[in-house]
All heavy atoms as atom14 arrays in JSON, in Angstrom:
{
  "sequence": "LSGLESFRADRPDIALLDVMLPGLDGVSLCRRIRDESTVPVIMLSARA",
  "atom14_mask": [
    [1, 1, 1, 1, 1, 1, 1, 1, 0, 0, 0, 0, 0, 0],
    [1, 1, 1, 1, 1, 1, 0, 0, 0, 0, 0, 0, 0, 0],
    [1, 1, 1, 1, 0, 0, 0, 0, 0, 0, 0, 0, 0, 0],
    [1, 1, 1, 1, 1, 1, 1, 1, 0, 0, 0, 0, 0, 0],
    [1, 1, 1, 1, 1, 1, 1, 1, 1, 0, 0, 0, 0, 0],
    [1, 1, 1, 1, 1, 1, 0, 0, 0, 0, 0, 0, 0, 0],
    [1, 1, 1, 1, 1, 1, 1, 1, 1, 1, 1, 0, 0, 0],
    [1, 1, 1, 1, 1, 1, 1, 1, 1, 1, 1, 0, 0, 0],
    [1, 1, 1, 1, 1, 0, 0, 0, 0, 0, 0, 0, 0, 0],
    [1, 1, 1, 1, 1, 1, 1, 1, 0, 0, 0, 0, 0, 0],
    [1, 1, 1, 1, 1, 1, 1, 1, 1, 1, 1, 0, 0, 0],
    [1, 1, 1, 1, 1, 1, 1, 0, 0, 0, 0, 0, 0, 0],
    [1, 1, 1, 1, 1, 1, 1, 1, 0, 0, 0, 0, 0, 0],
    [1, 1, 1, 1, 1, 1, 1, 1, 0, 0, 0, 0, 0, 0],
    [1, 1, 1, 1, 1, 0, 0, 0, 0, 0, 0, 0, 0, 0],
    [1, 1, 1, 1, 1, 1, 1, 1, 0, 0, 0, 0, 0, 0],
    [1, 1, 1, 1, 1, 1, 1, 1, 0, 0, 0, 0, 0, 0],
    [1, 1, 1, 1, 1, 1, 1, 1, 0, 0, 0, 0, 0, 0],
    [1, 1, 1, 1, 1, 1, 1, 0, 0, 0, 0, 0, 0, 0],
    [1, 1, 1, 1, 1, 1, 1, 1, 0, 0, 0, 0, 0, 0],
    [1, 1, 1, 1, 1, 1, 1, 1, 0, 0, 0, 0, 0, 0],
    [1, 1, 1, 1, 1, 1, 1, 0, 0, 0, 0, 0, 0, 0],
    [1, 1, 1, 1, 0, 0, 0, 0, 0, 0, 0, 0, 0, 0],
    [1, 1, 1, 1, 1, 1, 1, 1, 0, 0, 0, 0, 0, 0],
    [1, 1, 1, 1, 1, 1, 1, 1, 0, 0, 0, 0, 0, 0],
    [1, 1, 1, 1, 0, 0, 0, 0, 0, 0, 0, 0, 0, 0],
    [1, 1, 1, 1, 1, 1, 1, 0, 0, 0, 0, 0, 0, 0],
    [1, 1, 1, 1, 1, 1, 0, 0, 0, 0, 0, 0, 0, 0],
    [1, 1, 1, 1, 1, 1, 1, 1, 0, 0, 0, 0, 0, 0],
    [1, 1, 1, 1, 1, 1, 0, 0, 0, 0, 0, 0, 0, 0],
    [1, 1, 1, 1, 1, 1, 1, 1, 1, 1, 1, 0, 0, 0],
    [1, 1, 1, 1, 1, 1, 1, 1, 1, 1, 1, 0, 0, 0],
    [1, 1, 1, 1, 1, 1, 1, 1, 0, 0, 0, 0, 0, 0],
    [1, 1, 1, 1, 1, 1, 1, 1, 1, 1, 1, 0, 0, 0],
    [1, 1, 1, 1, 1, 1, 1, 1, 0, 0, 0, 0, 0, 0],
    [1, 1, 1, 1, 1, 1, 1, 1, 1, 0, 0, 0, 0, 0],
    [1, 1, 1, 1, 1, 1, 0, 0, 0, 0, 0, 0, 0, 0],
    [1, 1, 1, 1, 1, 1, 1, 0, 0, 0, 0, 0, 0, 0],
    [1, 1, 1, 1, 1, 1, 1, 0, 0, 0, 0, 0, 0, 0],
    [1, 1, 1, 1, 1, 1, 1, 0, 0, 0, 0, 0, 0, 0],
    [1, 1, 1, 1, 1, 1, 1, 0, 0, 0, 0, 0, 0, 0],
    [1, 1, 1, 1, 1, 1, 1, 1, 0, 0, 0, 0, 0, 0],
    [1, 1, 1, 1, 1, 1, 1, 1, 0, 0, 0, 0, 0, 0],
    [1, 1, 1, 1, 1, 1, 1, 1, 0, 0, 0, 0, 0, 0],
    [1, 1, 1, 1, 1, 1, 0, 0, 0, 0, 0, 0, 0, 0],
    [1, 1, 1, 1, 1, 0, 0, 0, 0, 0, 0, 0, 0, 0],
    [1, 1, 1, 1, 1, 1, 1, 1, 1, 1, 1, 0, 0, 0],
    [1, 1, 1, 1, 1, 0, 0, 0, 0, 0, 0, 0, 0, 0]
  ],
  "atom14_positions": [
    [[0.82, -1.21, 0.0], [0.0, 0.0, 0.0], [0.86, 1.26, 0.0], [0.58, 2.21, -0.74], [-0.95, -0.01, 1.2], [-2.07, -1.05, 1.13], [-2.88, -1.06, 2.43], [-2.99, -0.77, -0.06], [0.0, 0.0, 0.0], [0.0, 0.0, 0.0], [0.0, 0.0, 0.0], [0.0, 0.0, 0.0], [0.0, 0.0, 0.0], [0.0, 0.0, 0.0]],
    [[1.91, 1.26, 0.84], [2.8, 2.43, 0.84], [3.57, 2.51, -0.48], [3.88, 3.6, -0.96], [3.77, 2.38, 2.02], [4.64, 1.26, 1.93], [0.0, 0.0, 0.0], [0.0, 0.0, 0.0], [0.0, 0.0, 0.0], [0.0, 0.0, 0.0], [0.0, 0.0, 0.0], [0.0, 0.0, 0.0], [0.0, 0.0, 0.0], [0.0, 0.0, 0.0]],
    [[3.85, 1.35, -1.06], [4.51, 1.34, -2.36], [3.64, 1.96, -3.44], [4.14, 2.71, -4.28], [0.0, 0.0, 0.0], [0.0, 0.0, 0.0], [0.0, 0.0, 0.0], [0.0, 0.0, 0.0], [0.0, 0.0, 0.0], [0.0, 0.0, 0.0], [0.0, 0.0, 0.0], [0.0, 0.0, 0.0], [0.0, 0.0, 0.0], [0.0, 0.0, 0.0]],
    [[2.35, 1.66, -3.41], [1.43, 2.23, -4.39], [1.31, 3.74, -4.21], [1.31, 4.5, -5.19], [0.05, 1.57, -4.27], [-1.02, 2.04, -5.26], [-0.59, 1.78, -6.69], [-2.36, 1.35, -4.96], [0.0, 0.0, 0.0], [0.0, 0.0, 0.0], [0.0, 0.0, 0.0], [0.0, 0.0, 0.0], [0.0, 0.0, 0.0], [0.0, 0.0, 0.0]],
    [[1.22, 4.18, -2.96], [1.15, 5.62, -2.69], [2.41, 6.33, -3.19], [2.34, 7.41, -3.78], [0.98, 5.85, -1.19], [-0.38, 5.41, -0.65], [-0.49, 5.59, 0.86], [0.52, 6.03, 1.46], [-1.55, 5.29, 1.42], [0.0, 0.0, 0.0], [0.0, 0.0, 0.0], [0.0, 0.0, 0.0], [0.0, 0.0, 0.0], [0.0, 0.0, 0.0]],
    [[3.57, 5.7, -2.95], [4.83, 6.3, -3.38], [4.91, 6.35, -4.9], [5.36, 7.35, -5.48], [6.01, 5.5, -2.83], [7.24, 6.02, -3.29], [0.0, 0.0, 0.0], [0.0, 0.0, 0.0], [0.0, 0.0, 0.0], [0.0, 0.0, 0.0], [0.0, 0.0, 0.0], [0.0, 0.0, 0.0], [0.0, 0.0, 0.0], [0.0, 0.0, 0.0]],
    [[4.44, 5.29, -5.56], [4.47, 5.27, -7.01], [3.63, 6.41, -7.57], [4.05, 7.13, -8.49], [3.94, 3.94, -7.54], [3.74, 3.92, -9.03], [4.82, 3.75, -9.87], [2.49, 4.14, -9.58], [4.65, 3.78, -11.25], [2.3, 4.17, -10.95], [3.4, 3.99, -11.79], [0.0, 0.0, 0.0], [0.0, 0.0, 0.0], [0.0, 0.0, 0.0]],
    [[2.44, 6.6, -7.03], [1.55, 7.64, -7.53], [2.09, 9.04, -7.25], [1.87, 9.96, -8.04], [0.16, 7.46, -6.92], [-0.58, 6.25, -7.48], [-1.86, 5.96, -6.73], [-2.66, 4.95, -7.42], [-3.72, 4.34, -6.89], [-4.11, 4.66, -5.65], [-4.38, 3.44, -7.58], [0.0, 0.0, 0.0], [0.0, 0.0, 0.0], [0.0, 0.0, 0.0]],
    [[2.79, 9.19, -6.14], [3.29, 10.51, -5.76], [4.58, 10.87, -6.51], [4.78, 12.02, -6.91], [3.54, 10.56, -4.26], [0.0, 0.0, 0.0], [0.0, 0.0, 0.0], [0.0, 0.0, 0.0], [0.0, 0.0, 0.0], [0.0, 0.0, 0.0], [0.0, 0.0, 0.0], [0.0, 0.0, 0.0], [0.0, 0.0, 0.0], [0.0, 0.0, 0.0]],
    [[5.46, 9.87, -6.71], [6.8, 10.15, -7.22], [7.02, 9.78, -8.69], [7.95, 10.27, -9.31], [7.85, 9.43, -6.37], [7.78, 9.85, -4.91], [7.4, 11.0, -4.66], [8.13, 9.03, -4.05], [0.0, 0.0, 0.0], [0.0, 0.0, 0.0], [0.0, 0.0, 0.0], [0.0, 0.0, 0.0], [0.0, 0.0, 0.0], [0.0, 0.0, 0.0]],
    [[6.2, 8.88, -9.22], [6.36, 8.41, -10.61], [7.81, 8.02, -10.9], [8.53, 8.71, -11.65], [5.88, 9.47, -11.59], [4.39, 9.73, -11.5], [3.6, 8.49, -11.9], [2.16, 8.63, -11.67], [1.24, 7.72, -12.0], [1.63, 6.59, -12.56], [-0.03, 7.94, -11.76], [0.0, 0.0, 0.0], [0.0, 0.0, 0.0], [0.0, 0.0, 0.0]],
    [[8.28, 6.94, -10.32], [9.67, 6.51, -10.51], [9.94, 6.04, -11.94], [9.02, 5.83, -12.73], [9.8, 5.34, -9.52], [8.42, 4.78, -9.44], [7.51, 5.98, -9.5], [0.0, 0.0, 0.0], [0.0, 0.0, 0.0], [0.0, 0.0, 0.0], [0.0, 0.0, 0.0], [0.0, 0.0, 0.0], [0.0, 0.0, 0.0], [0.0, 0.0, 0.0]],
    [[11.21, 5.85, -12.25], [11.61, 5.37, -13.57], [11.47, 3.85, -13.7], [11.33, 3.34, -14.81], [13.07, 5.77, -13.85], [13.26, 7.26, -13.85], [12.56, 7.95, -14.62], [14.1, 7.76, -13.06], [0.0, 0.0, 0.0], [0.0, 0.0, 0.0], [0.0, 0.0, 0.0], [0.0, 0.0, 0.0], [0.0, 0.0, 0.0], [0.0, 0.0, 0.0]],
    [[11.54, 3.14, -12.59], [11.43, 1.69, -12.58], [10.99, 1.25, -11.19], [11.28, 1.93, -10.2], [12.78, 1.02, -12.97], [12.6, -0.48, -13.14], [13.87, 1.37, -11.97], [13.82, -1.16, -13.77], [0.0, 0.0, 0.0], [0.0, 0.0, 0.0], [0.0, 0.0, 0.0], [0.0, 0.0, 0.0], [0.0, 0.0, 0.0], [0.0, 0.0, 0.0]],
    [[10.27, 0.14, -11.13], [9.8, -0.39, -9.84], [10.32, -1.8, -9.62], [10.24, -2.64, -10.53], [8.27, -0.38, -9.78], [0.0, 0.0, 0.0], [0.0, 0.0, 0.0], [0.0, 0.0, 0.0], [0.0, 0.0, 0.0], [0.0, 0.0, 0.0], [0.0, 0.0, 0.0], [0.0, 0.0, 0.0], [0.0, 0.0, 0.0], [0.0, 0.0, 0.0]],
    [[10.86, -2.05, -8.43], [11.27, -3.39, -8.02], [10.3, -3.83, -6.93], [10.22, -3.19, -5.88], [12.69, -3.39, -7.46], [13.81, -2.79, -8.32], [15.14, -2.92, -7.58], [13.88, -3.49, -9.66], [0.0, 0.0, 0.0], [0.0, 0.0, 0.0], [0.0, 0.0, 0.0], [0.0, 0.0, 0.0], [0.0, 0.0, 0.0], [0.0, 0.0, 0.0]],
    [[9.58, -4.92, -7.17], [8.52, -5.33, -6.25], [8.74, -6.75, -5.78], [8.84, -7.68, -6.59], [7.16, -5.24, -6.95], [6.82, -3.96, -7.73], [5.46, -4.1, -8.39], [6.88, -2.75, -6.81], [0.0, 0.0, 0.0], [0.0, 0.0, 0.0], [0.0, 0.0, 0.0], [0.0, 0.0, 0.0], [0.0, 0.0, 0.0], [0.0, 0.0, 0.0]],
    [[8.78, -6.93, -4.47], [8.8, -8.28, -3.92], [7.43, -8.91, -4.13], [6.4, -8.21, -4.08], [9.15, -8.23, -2.43], [9.32, -9.62, -1.83], [9.77, -10.52, -2.56], [8.99, -9.79, -0.65], [0.0, 0.0, 0.0], [0.0, 0.0, 0.0], [0.0, 0.0, 0.0], [0.0, 0.0, 0.0], [0.0, 0.0, 0.0], [0.0, 0.0, 0.0]],
    [[7.39, -10.2, -4.39], [6.11, -10.88, -4.6], [5.29, -10.93, -3.31], [4.1, -10.6, -3.29], [6.33, -12.3, -5.16], [5.01, -13.08, -5.15], [6.89, -12.24, -6.57], [0.0, 0.0, 0.0], [0.0, 0.0, 0.0], [0.0, 0.0, 0.0], [0.0, 0.0, 0.0], [0.0, 0.0, 0.0], [0.0, 0.0, 0.0], [0.0, 0.0, 0.0]],
    [[5.94, -11.32, -2.22], [5.24, -11.49, -0.94], [5.33, -10.22, -0.12], [6.34, -9.94, 0.5], [5.85, -12.67, -0.17], [5.82, -13.99, -0.93], [4.13, -14.55, -1.3], [3.54, -14.91, 0.35], [0.0, 0.0, 0.0], [0.0, 0.0, 0.0], [0.0, 0.0, 0.0], [0.0, 0.0, 0.0], [0.0, 0.0, 0.0], [0.0, 0.0, 0.0]],
    [[4.26, -9.42, -0.17], [4.22, -8.17, 0.58], [2.97, -8.12, 1.45], [1.92, -8.63, 1.05], [4.18, -6.96, -0.39], [5.41, -6.68, -1.23], [5.11, -5.61, -2.25], [6.58, -6.27, -0.35], [0.0, 0.0, 0.0], [0.0, 0.0, 0.0], [0.0, 0.0, 0.0], [0.0, 0.0, 0.0], [0.0, 0.0, 0.0], [0.0, 0.0, 0.0]],
    [[3.05, -7.5, 2.61], [1.86, -7.35, 3.46], [0.93, -6.27, 2.92], [1.37, -5.34, 2.24], [2.45, -6.93, 4.82], [3.75, -6.27, 4.49], [4.27, -6.98, 3.27], [0.0, 0.0, 0.0], [0.0, 0.0, 0.0], [0.0, 0.0, 0.0], [0.0, 0.0, 0.0], [0.0, 0.0, 0.0], [0.0, 0.0, 0.0], [0.0, 0.0, 0.0]],
    [[-0.35, -6.4, 3.21], [-1.33, -5.39, 2.82], [-1.79, -5.56, 1.38], [-2.94, -5.87, 1.1], [0.0, 0.0, 0.0], [0.0, 0.0, 0.0], [0.0, 0.0, 0.0], [0.0, 0.0, 0.0], [0.0, 0.0, 0.0], [0.0, 0.0, 0.0], [0.0, 0.0, 0.0], [0.0, 0.0, 0.0], [0.0, 0.0, 0.0], [0.0, 0.0, 0.0]],
    [[-0.88, -5.37, 0.47], [-1.15, -5.53, -0.96], [0.05, -6.28, -1.53], [1.17, -5.78, -1.51], [-1.29, -4.15, -1.62], [-1.64, -4.11, -3.11], [-3.06, -4.61, -3.34], [-1.47, -2.69, -3.65], [0.0, 0.0, 0.0], [0.0, 0.0, 0.0], [0.0, 0.0, 0.0], [0.0, 0.0, 0.0], [0.0, 0.0, 0.0], [0.0, 0.0, 0.0]],
    [[-0.18, -7.5, -2.0], [0.95, -8.32, -2.46], [1.55, -7.74, -3.73], [0.96, -6.9, -4.41], [0.52, -9.78, -2.68], [-0.48, -9.92, -3.8], [-0.07, -9.93, -4.97], [-1.69, -10.04, -3.5], [0.0, 0.0, 0.0], [0.0, 0.0, 0.0], [0.0, 0.0, 0.0], [0.0, 0.0, 0.0], [0.0, 0.0, 0.0], [0.0, 0.0, 0.0]],
    [[2.77, -8.21, -4.05], [3.5, -7.64, -5.17], [2.83, -7.81, -6.51], [2.9, -6.91, -7.36], [0.0, 0.0, 0.0], [0.0, 0.0, 0.0], [0.0, 0.0, 0.0], [0.0, 0.0, 0.0], [0.0, 0.0, 0.0], [0.0, 0.0, 0.0], [0.0, 0.0, 0.0], [0.0, 0.0, 0.0], [0.0, 0.0, 0.0], [0.0, 0.0, 0.0]],
    [[2.15, -8.94, -6.72], [1.46, -9.17, -7.98], [0.31, -8.17, -8.14], [0.12, -7.57, -9.2], [0.95, -10.62, -8.08], [0.07, -10.81, -9.32], [2.13, -11.59, -8.12], [0.0, 0.0, 0.0], [0.0, 0.0, 0.0], [0.0, 0.0, 0.0], [0.0, 0.0, 0.0], [0.0, 0.0, 0.0], [0.0, 0.0, 0.0], [0.0, 0.0, 0.0]],
    [[-0.46, -7.98, -7.08], [-1.56, -7.01, -7.12], [-1.05, -5.59, -7.3], [-1.64, -4.79, -8.02], [-2.4, -7.11, -5.85], [-2.98, -8.4, -5.71], [0.0, 0.0, 0.0], [0.0, 0.0, 0.0], [0.0, 0.0, 0.0], [0.0, 0.0, 0.0], [0.0, 0.0, 0.0], [0.0, 0.0, 0.0], [0.0, 0.0, 0.0], [0.0, 0.0, 0.0]],
    [[0.07, -5.28, -6.64], [0.67, -3.96, -6.79], [1.13, -3.75, -8.23], [0.91, -2.68, -8.81], [1.85, -3.81, -5.83], [2.68, -2.53, -5.94], [1.81, -1.29, -5.82], [3.8, -2.52, -4.89], [0.0, 0.0, 0.0], [0.0, 0.0, 0.0], [0.0, 0.0, 0.0], [0.0, 0.0, 0.0], [0.0, 0.0, 0.0], [0.0, 0.0, 0.0]],
    [[1.75, -4.75, -8.82], [2.17, -4.66, -10.21], [0.97, -4.4, -11.11], [1.03, -3.56, -12.01], [2.88, -5.95, -10.62], [3.43, -5.97, -12.34], [0.0, 0.0, 0.0], [0.0, 0.0, 0.0], [0.0, 0.0, 0.0], [0.0, 0.0, 0.0], [0.0, 0.0, 0.0], [0.0, 0.0, 0.0], [0.0, 0.0, 0.0], [0.0, 0.0, 0.0]],
    [[-0.12, -5.11, -10.85], [-1.32, -4.93, -11.68], [-1.85, -3.5, -11.55], [-2.27, -2.89, -12.54], [-2.37, -5.96, -11.26], [-3.55, -6.06, -12.22], [-4.46, -7.21, -11.84], [-3.84, -8.51, -12.1], [-3.48, -9.37, -11.17], [-3.67, -9.09, -9.89], [-2.92, -10.52, -11.5], [0.0, 0.0, 0.0], [0.0, 0.0, 0.0], [0.0, 0.0, 0.0]],
    [[-1.84, -2.95, -10.34], [-2.3, -1.57, -10.12], [-1.41, -0.59, -10.89], [-1.9, 0.36, -11.52], [-2.27, -1.23, -8.63], [-3.22, -2.05, -7.76], [-4.62, -1.49, -7.76], [-5.41, -2.11, -6.69], [-5.56, -1.63, -5.48], [-4.96, -0.5, -5.13], [-6.29, -2.26, -4.58], [0.0, 0.0, 0.0], [0.0, 0.0, 0.0], [0.0, 0.0, 0.0]],
    [[-0.11, -0.81, -10.81], [0.83, 0.06, -11.51], [0.61, -0.02, -13.02], [0.56, 0.99, -13.72], [2.28, -0.3, -11.15], [2.6, 0.1, -9.71], [3.27, 0.36, -12.12], [3.95, -0.34, -9.22], [0.0, 0.0, 0.0], [0.0, 0.0, 0.0], [0.0, 0.0, 0.0], [0.0, 0.0, 0.0], [0.0, 0.0, 0.0], [0.0, 0.0, 0.0]],
    [[0.44, -1.24, -13.5], [0.27, -1.41, -14.95], [-1.04, -0.8, -15.45], [-1.13, -0.38, -16.59], [0.34, -2.9, -15.29], [0.45, -3.21, -16.76], [1.61, -2.48, -17.44], [2.91, -3.02, -17.13], [3.93, -2.28, -16.73], [3.81, -0.97, -16.59], [5.1, -2.84, -16.48], [0.0, 0.0, 0.0], [0.0, 0.0, 0.0], [0.0, 0.0, 0.0]],
    [[-2.06, -0.72, -14.58], [-3.31, -0.06, -14.96], [-3.12, 1.43, -15.2], [-3.9, 2.05, -15.92], [-4.37, -0.26, -13.87], [-4.93, -1.67, -13.85], [-4.76, -2.4, -14.85], [-5.53, -2.05, -12.82], [0.0, 0.0, 0.0], [0.0, 0.0, 0.0], [0.0, 0.0, 0.0], [0.0, 0.0, 0.0], [0.0, 0.0, 0.0], [0.0, 0.0, 0.0]],
    [[-2.07, 1.99, -14.59], [-1.86, 3.44, -14.65], [-0.65, 3.87, -15.47], [-0.53, 5.04, -15.81], [-1.68, 3.98, -13.22], [-2.85, 3.68, -12.3], [-2.59, 4.14, -10.87], [-1.64, 4.93, -10.66], [-3.33, 3.71, -9.97], [0.0, 0.0, 0.0], [0.0, 0.0, 0.0], [0.0, 0.0, 0.0], [0.0, 0.0, 0.0], [0.0, 0.0, 0.0]],
    [[0.26, 2.93, -15.74], [1.54, 3.34, -16.32], [2.21, 2.18, -17.05], [1.94, 1.01, -16.77], [2.46, 3.84, -15.2], [3.77, 4.07, -15.67], [0.0, 0.0, 0.0], [0.0, 0.0, 0.0], [0.0, 0.0, 0.0], [0.0, 0.0, 0.0], [0.0, 0.0, 0.0], [0.0, 0.0, 0.0], [0.0, 0.0, 0.0], [0.0, 0.0, 0.0]],
    [[3.11, 2.53, -17.97], [3.93, 1.53, -18.64], [5.34, 1.5, -18.07], [6.25, 0.93, -18.67], [4.01, 1.8, -20.16], [4.58, 3.09, -20.38], [2.63, 1.72, -20.8], [0.0, 0.0, 0.0], [0.0, 0.0, 0.0], [0.0, 0.0, 0.0], [0.0, 0.0, 0.0], [0.0, 0.0, 0.0], [0.0, 0.0, 0.0], [0.0, 0.0, 0.0]],
    [[5.54, 2.11, -16.9], [6.86, 2.12, -16.26], [7.36, 0.68, -16.11], [6.57, -0.23, -15.81], [6.8, 2.82, -14.89], [5.98, 2.02, -13.88], [8.19, 3.07, -14.34], [0.0, 0.0, 0.0], [0.0, 0.0, 0.0], [0.0, 0.0, 0.0], [0.0, 0.0, 0.0], [0.0, 0.0, 0.0], [0.0, 0.0, 0.0], [0.0, 0.0, 0.0]],
    [[8.64, 0.41, -16.36], [9.14, -0.96, -16.23], [9.04, -1.48, -14.8], [9.26, -0.74, -13.84], [10.59, -0.87, -16.69], [10.94, 0.57, -16.61], [9.68, 1.34, -16.84], [0.0, 0.0, 0.0], [0.0, 0.0, 0.0], [0.0, 0.0, 0.0], [0.0, 0.0, 0.0], [0.0, 0.0, 0.0], [0.0, 0.0, 0.0], [0.0, 0.0, 0.0]],
    [[8.72, -2.78, -14.69], [8.56, -3.43, -13.39], [9.36, -4.72, -13.38], [9.27, -5.53, -14.31], [7.09, -3.75, -13.09], [6.97, -4.54, -11.78], [6.26, -2.47, -13.01], [0.0, 0.0, 0.0], [0.0, 0.0, 0.0], [0.0, 0.0, 0.0], [0.0, 0.0, 0.0], [0.0, 0.0, 0.0], [0.0, 0.0, 0.0], [0.0, 0.0, 0.0]],
    [[10.16, -4.9, -12.34], [10.87, -6.16, -12.12], [10.35, -6.76, -10.82], [10.32, -6.09, -9.78], [12.39, -5.95, -12.01], [12.96, -5.41, -13.33], [13.09, -7.26, -11.65], [14.44, -5.12, -13.3], [0.0, 0.0, 0.0], [0.0, 0.0, 0.0], [0.0, 0.0, 0.0], [0.0, 0.0, 0.0], [0.0, 0.0, 0.0], [0.0, 0.0, 0.0]],
    [[9.92, -8.01, -10.88], [9.44, -8.71, -9.69], [10.6, -9.43, -9.02], [11.51, -9.96, -9.69], [8.36, -9.73, -10.05], [7.14, -9.17, -10.74], [6.2, -7.98, -9.76], [5.67, -9.01, -8.38], [0.0, 0.0, 0.0], [0.0, 0.0, 0.0], [0.0, 0.0, 0.0], [0.0, 0.0, 0.0], [0.0, 0.0, 0.0], [0.0, 0.0, 0.0]],
    [[10.58, -9.46, -7.69], [11.57, -10.18, -6.9], [10.87, -11.32, -6.16], [9.9, -11.08, -5.44], [12.25, -9.25, -5.89], [12.86, -7.97, -6.47], [13.42, -7.1, -5.35], [13.98, -8.31, -7.47], [0.0, 0.0, 0.0], [0.0, 0.0, 0.0], [0.0, 0.0, 0.0], [0.0, 0.0, 0.0], [0.0, 0.0, 0.0], [0.0, 0.0, 0.0]],
    [[11.34, -12.54, -6.35], [10.69, -13.69, -5.74], [11.7, -14.52, -4.98], [12.84, -14.72, -5.44], [10.03, -14.56, -6.82], [9.54, -15.76, -6.27], [0.0, 0.0, 0.0], [0.0, 0.0, 0.0], [0.0, 0.0, 0.0], [0.0, 0.0, 0.0], [0.0, 0.0, 0.0], [0.0, 0.0, 0.0], [0.0, 0.0, 0.0], [0.0, 0.0, 0.0]],
    [[11.31, -14.99, -3.8], [12.18, -15.83, -3.0], [12.3, -17.23, -3.58], [13.15, -18.01, -3.18], [11.68, -15.91, -1.55], [0.0, 0.0, 0.0], [0.0, 0.0, 0.0], [0.0, 0.0, 0.0], [0.0, 0.0, 0.0], [0.0, 0.0, 0.0], [0.0, 0.0, 0.0], [0.0, 0.0, 0.0], [0.0, 0.0, 0.0], [0.0, 0.0, 0.0]],
    [[11.44, -17.56, -4.52], [11.46, -18.86, -5.16], [11.42, -18.68, -6.67], [10.92, -17.69, -7.17], [10.25, -19.7, -4.74], [9.99, -19.76, -3.26], [8.74, -20.55, -2.98], [7.54, -19.85, -3.46], [6.33, -20.42, -3.49], [6.19, -21.69, -3.15], [5.28, -19.73, -3.89], [0.0, 0.0, 0.0], [0.0, 0.0, 0.0], [0.0, 0.0, 0.0]],
    [[11.94, -19.68, -7.37], [11.82, -19.69, -8.83], [10.56, -20.46, -9.19], [10.48, -21.12, -10.21], [13.04, -20.33, -9.47], [0.0, 0.0, 0.0], [0.0, 0.0, 0.0], [0.0, 0.0, 0.0], [0.0, 0.0, 0.0], [0.0, 0.0, 0.0], [0.0, 0.0, 0.0], [0.0, 0.0, 0.0], [0.0, 0.0, 0.0], [0.0, 0.0, 0.0]]
  ]
}
């Protein structure tokens, strides 16, 4: 959730998102970002 707020406020050049996040998981956060922007996104996962 704080990541989404920061994205909307700052409009970064790229986002690195962990998959397992509290509140709003990384996959859902990525989907929210993609609904609003084409900014590049790299997911970080503890597992392959």
